[in-house]
């Protein structure tokens, strides 16, 4: 059983030329992918953020992320897919 506030991650909606996916990504991994100085803007409920990532293959991905604090993801207002990529 998960303990609230212990497992923290982003569920990121990635839009790229090949289509759109929703993937889980940890806060630490997200910070490693940001290669330019960036400010992640959180909404008043600290549940969503938007930022841009440029990776080494020169693809620009626009991420719309939902933040979960280990509680039931249904409480976030974002519908997660049945399968994780």
N, C-alpha and C. Protein backbone atom coordinates (compact mmCIF):
# COMPACT_ATOMS: atom_id res chain seq x y z
N UNK A 1 0.84 -1.18 0.00
CA UNK A 1 0.00 0.00 0.00
C UNK A 1 0.88 1.24 0.00
N UNK A 2 0.53 2.19 -0.84
CA UNK A 2 1.33 3.41 -0.94
C UNK A 2 0.99 4.35 0.21
N UNK A 3 2.01 4.99 0.73
CA UNK A 3 1.80 5.97 1.79
C UNK A 3 1.69 7.36 1.16
N UNK A 4 0.69 8.16 1.56
CA UNK A 4 0.53 9.48 0.96
C UNK A 4 1.79 10.33 1.11
N UNK A 5 2.17 11.00 0.03
CA UNK A 5 3.29 11.93 0.07
C UNK A 5 4.65 11.30 -0.11
N UNK A 6 4.72 9.96 -0.27
CA UNK A 6 6.01 9.31 -0.38
C UNK A 6 6.42 9.14 -1.84
N UNK A 7 5.49 8.71 -2.67
CA UNK A 7 5.79 8.45 -4.07
C UNK A 7 5.37 9.66 -4.88
N UNK A 8 6.35 10.41 -5.35
CA UNK A 8 6.05 11.65 -6.04
C UNK A 8 6.53 11.57 -7.47
N UNK A 9 5.69 11.95 -8.41
CA UNK A 9 6.08 11.89 -9.81
C UNK A 9 5.20 12.84 -10.61
N UNK A 10 5.62 13.12 -11.82
CA UNK A 10 4.79 13.83 -12.77
C UNK A 10 4.19 12.81 -13.74
N UNK A 11 2.97 13.03 -14.15
CA UNK A 11 2.43 12.33 -15.31
C UNK A 11 2.44 13.38 -16.42
N UNK A 12 3.30 13.21 -17.38
CA UNK A 12 3.54 14.23 -18.38
C UNK A 12 2.86 13.90 -19.70
N UNK A 13 2.16 14.87 -20.25
CA UNK A 13 1.56 14.73 -21.57
C UNK A 13 2.55 15.30 -22.57
N UNK A 14 3.10 14.45 -23.42
CA UNK A 14 4.14 14.85 -24.35
C UNK A 14 3.56 14.90 -25.76
N UNK A 15 3.62 16.06 -26.38
CA UNK A 15 3.16 16.20 -27.75
C UNK A 15 4.37 16.36 -28.64
N UNK A 16 4.52 15.44 -29.59
CA UNK A 16 5.66 15.44 -30.51
C UNK A 16 5.14 15.12 -31.90
N UNK A 17 5.99 15.26 -32.93
CA UNK A 17 5.53 14.96 -34.29
C UNK A 17 4.91 13.58 -34.44
N UNK A 18 5.36 12.61 -33.67
CA UNK A 18 4.83 11.26 -33.77
C UNK A 18 3.50 11.05 -33.08
N UNK A 19 3.02 12.03 -32.36
CA UNK A 19 1.76 11.89 -31.65
C UNK A 19 1.87 12.35 -30.21
N UNK A 20 0.91 11.90 -29.40
CA UNK A 20 0.85 12.32 -28.00
C UNK A 20 0.86 11.10 -27.11
N UNK A 21 1.58 11.20 -25.98
CA UNK A 21 1.60 10.14 -24.98
C UNK A 21 1.52 10.77 -23.60
N UNK A 22 1.09 9.96 -22.66
CA UNK A 22 1.15 10.34 -21.26
C UNK A 22 2.09 9.36 -20.58
N UNK A 23 3.12 9.88 -19.93
CA UNK A 23 4.12 9.02 -19.31
C UNK A 23 4.36 9.45 -17.87
N UNK A 24 4.72 8.50 -17.00
CA UNK A 24 5.13 8.88 -15.65
C UNK A 24 6.58 9.32 -15.68
N UNK A 25 6.90 10.34 -14.91
CA UNK A 25 8.29 10.81 -14.85
C UNK A 25 8.52 11.39 -13.46
N UNK A 26 9.63 11.04 -12.87
CA UNK A 26 9.91 11.55 -11.53
C UNK A 26 10.33 13.00 -11.61
N UNK A 27 10.20 13.70 -10.50
CA UNK A 27 10.64 15.09 -10.44
C UNK A 27 12.13 15.18 -10.74
N UNK A 28 12.90 14.21 -10.23
CA UNK A 28 14.35 14.22 -10.45
C UNK A 28 14.68 14.02 -11.93
N UNK A 29 13.98 13.10 -12.59
CA UNK A 29 14.23 12.87 -14.01
C UNK A 29 13.83 14.09 -14.83
N UNK A 30 12.74 14.73 -14.48
CA UNK A 30 12.33 15.93 -15.22
C UNK A 30 13.40 17.01 -15.11
N UNK A 31 13.98 17.16 -13.94
CA UNK A 31 15.00 18.21 -13.76
C UNK A 31 16.25 17.89 -14.58
N UNK A 32 16.57 16.61 -14.78
CA UNK A 32 17.73 16.24 -15.57
C UNK A 32 17.51 16.49 -17.05
N UNK A 33 16.25 16.42 -17.50
CA UNK A 33 15.95 16.60 -18.92
C UNK A 33 15.96 18.07 -19.33
N UNK A 34 15.80 18.95 -18.39
CA UNK A 34 15.76 20.37 -18.73
C UNK A 34 17.19 20.87 -18.90
N UNK A 35 17.57 21.20 -20.13
CA UNK A 35 18.95 21.58 -20.42
C UNK A 35 19.13 23.09 -20.47
N UNK A 36 18.05 23.82 -20.52
CA UNK A 36 18.12 25.28 -20.50
C UNK A 36 17.57 25.73 -19.14
N UNK A 37 18.01 26.88 -18.64
CA UNK A 37 17.40 27.38 -17.41
C UNK A 37 15.88 27.51 -17.60
N UNK A 38 15.14 27.02 -16.65
CA UNK A 38 13.69 27.02 -16.79
C UNK A 38 13.04 27.21 -15.44
N UNK A 39 11.87 27.79 -15.45
CA UNK A 39 11.06 27.91 -14.25
C UNK A 39 9.80 27.11 -14.49
N UNK A 40 9.53 26.19 -13.60
CA UNK A 40 8.30 25.40 -13.70
C UNK A 40 7.22 26.13 -12.91
N UNK A 41 6.18 26.55 -13.62
CA UNK A 41 5.10 27.29 -12.98
C UNK A 41 4.02 26.32 -12.51
N UNK A 42 3.76 26.32 -11.21
CA UNK A 42 2.71 25.47 -10.67
C UNK A 42 1.45 26.28 -10.45
N UNK A 43 0.31 25.66 -10.63
CA UNK A 43 -0.94 26.37 -10.37
C UNK A 43 -1.16 26.49 -8.86
N UNK A 44 -2.25 27.15 -8.48
CA UNK A 44 -2.47 27.45 -7.06
C UNK A 44 -2.63 26.19 -6.22
N UNK A 45 -3.06 25.09 -6.83
CA UNK A 45 -3.19 23.83 -6.10
C UNK A 45 -1.93 22.99 -6.16
N UNK A 46 -0.88 23.49 -6.80
CA UNK A 46 0.39 22.79 -6.97
C UNK A 46 0.18 21.42 -7.63
N UNK A 47 -0.72 21.36 -8.62
CA UNK A 47 -1.02 20.08 -9.26
C UNK A 47 -0.71 20.07 -10.75
N UNK A 48 -0.44 21.22 -11.34
CA UNK A 48 -0.12 21.19 -12.76
C UNK A 48 1.00 22.16 -13.06
N UNK A 49 1.70 21.89 -14.13
CA UNK A 49 2.82 22.73 -14.52
C UNK A 49 2.99 22.63 -16.03
N UNK A 50 3.55 23.67 -16.60
CA UNK A 50 3.87 23.65 -18.03
C UNK A 50 5.32 24.07 -18.20
N UNK A 51 6.04 23.34 -19.03
CA UNK A 51 7.41 23.74 -19.32
C UNK A 51 7.84 23.11 -20.63
N UNK A 52 8.96 23.57 -21.15
CA UNK A 52 9.45 23.11 -22.44
C UNK A 52 10.80 22.44 -22.25
N UNK A 53 10.99 21.33 -22.93
CA UNK A 53 12.25 20.60 -22.84
C UNK A 53 12.83 20.45 -24.24
N UNK A 54 14.10 20.79 -24.38
CA UNK A 54 14.83 20.52 -25.62
C UNK A 54 15.83 19.41 -25.32
N UNK A 55 15.71 18.30 -26.03
CA UNK A 55 16.64 17.21 -25.75
C UNK A 55 17.75 17.18 -26.80
N UNK A 56 18.66 16.23 -26.68
CA UNK A 56 19.85 16.22 -27.52
C UNK A 56 19.53 15.87 -28.97
N UNK A 57 18.38 15.32 -29.25
CA UNK A 57 18.02 15.01 -30.64
C UNK A 57 17.32 16.19 -31.31
N UNK A 58 17.35 17.33 -30.66
CA UNK A 58 16.82 18.58 -31.20
C UNK A 58 15.31 18.55 -31.39
N UNK A 59 14.64 17.71 -30.64
CA UNK A 59 13.18 17.70 -30.65
C UNK A 59 12.71 18.53 -29.46
N UNK A 60 11.82 19.46 -29.73
CA UNK A 60 11.26 20.26 -28.65
C UNK A 60 9.94 19.63 -28.21
N UNK A 61 9.86 19.29 -26.94
CA UNK A 61 8.65 18.71 -26.39
C UNK A 61 7.99 19.71 -25.45
N UNK A 62 6.71 19.88 -25.61
CA UNK A 62 5.95 20.74 -24.70
C UNK A 62 5.23 19.82 -23.71
N UNK A 63 5.55 19.99 -22.47
CA UNK A 63 5.02 19.11 -21.43
C UNK A 63 3.94 19.84 -20.64
N UNK A 64 2.83 19.16 -20.44
CA UNK A 64 1.82 19.62 -19.50
C UNK A 64 1.75 18.54 -18.44
N UNK A 65 2.22 18.85 -17.27
CA UNK A 65 2.40 17.81 -16.25
C UNK A 65 1.40 17.98 -15.12
N UNK A 66 0.97 16.86 -14.62
CA UNK A 66 0.15 16.80 -13.41
C UNK A 66 1.00 16.24 -12.29
N UNK A 67 0.93 16.85 -11.15
CA UNK A 67 1.73 16.41 -10.00
C UNK A 67 0.84 15.60 -9.06
N UNK A 68 1.34 14.44 -8.66
CA UNK A 68 0.62 13.61 -7.71
C UNK A 68 1.48 13.43 -6.46
N UNK A 69 0.84 13.40 -5.32
CA UNK A 69 1.59 13.31 -4.07
C UNK A 69 1.47 11.93 -3.43
N UNK A 70 1.16 10.91 -4.21
CA UNK A 70 1.06 9.56 -3.68
C UNK A 70 -0.35 9.16 -3.33
N UNK A 71 -1.28 10.09 -3.44
CA UNK A 71 -2.68 9.78 -3.17
C UNK A 71 -3.32 9.26 -4.45
N UNK A 72 -4.58 8.95 -4.39
CA UNK A 72 -5.30 8.42 -5.54
C UNK A 72 -5.21 9.40 -6.71
N UNK A 73 -4.65 8.97 -7.86
CA UNK A 73 -4.53 9.89 -8.99
C UNK A 73 -5.86 10.44 -9.47
N UNK A 74 -6.96 9.74 -9.18
CA UNK A 74 -8.27 10.24 -9.61
C UNK A 74 -8.58 11.59 -8.96
N UNK A 75 -7.98 11.86 -7.82
CA UNK A 75 -8.22 13.13 -7.14
C UNK A 75 -7.53 14.31 -7.83
N UNK A 76 -6.67 14.03 -8.79
CA UNK A 76 -5.93 15.11 -9.45
C UNK A 76 -6.75 15.81 -10.51
N UNK A 77 -7.84 15.16 -10.96
CA UNK A 77 -8.62 15.73 -12.04
C UNK A 77 -8.09 15.36 -13.41
N UNK A 78 -7.04 14.55 -13.47
CA UNK A 78 -6.47 14.14 -14.75
C UNK A 78 -6.69 12.64 -14.93
N UNK A 79 -7.15 12.24 -16.10
CA UNK A 79 -7.40 10.82 -16.35
C UNK A 79 -6.13 10.16 -16.86
N UNK A 80 -5.62 9.18 -16.15
CA UNK A 80 -4.42 8.47 -16.57
C UNK A 80 -4.79 7.33 -17.50
N UNK A 81 -3.90 7.00 -18.44
CA UNK A 81 -4.19 5.88 -19.35
C UNK A 81 -4.11 4.54 -18.63
N UNK A 82 -4.68 3.51 -19.25
CA UNK A 82 -4.64 2.17 -18.67
C UNK A 82 -3.22 1.62 -18.63
N UNK A 83 -2.41 1.98 -19.61
CA UNK A 83 -1.05 1.44 -19.69
C UNK A 83 -0.04 2.57 -19.56
N UNK A 84 1.06 2.27 -18.89
CA UNK A 84 2.17 3.23 -18.79
C UNK A 84 3.16 2.93 -19.90
N UNK A 85 3.71 3.98 -20.49
CA UNK A 85 4.73 3.80 -21.54
C UNK A 85 6.11 3.80 -20.92
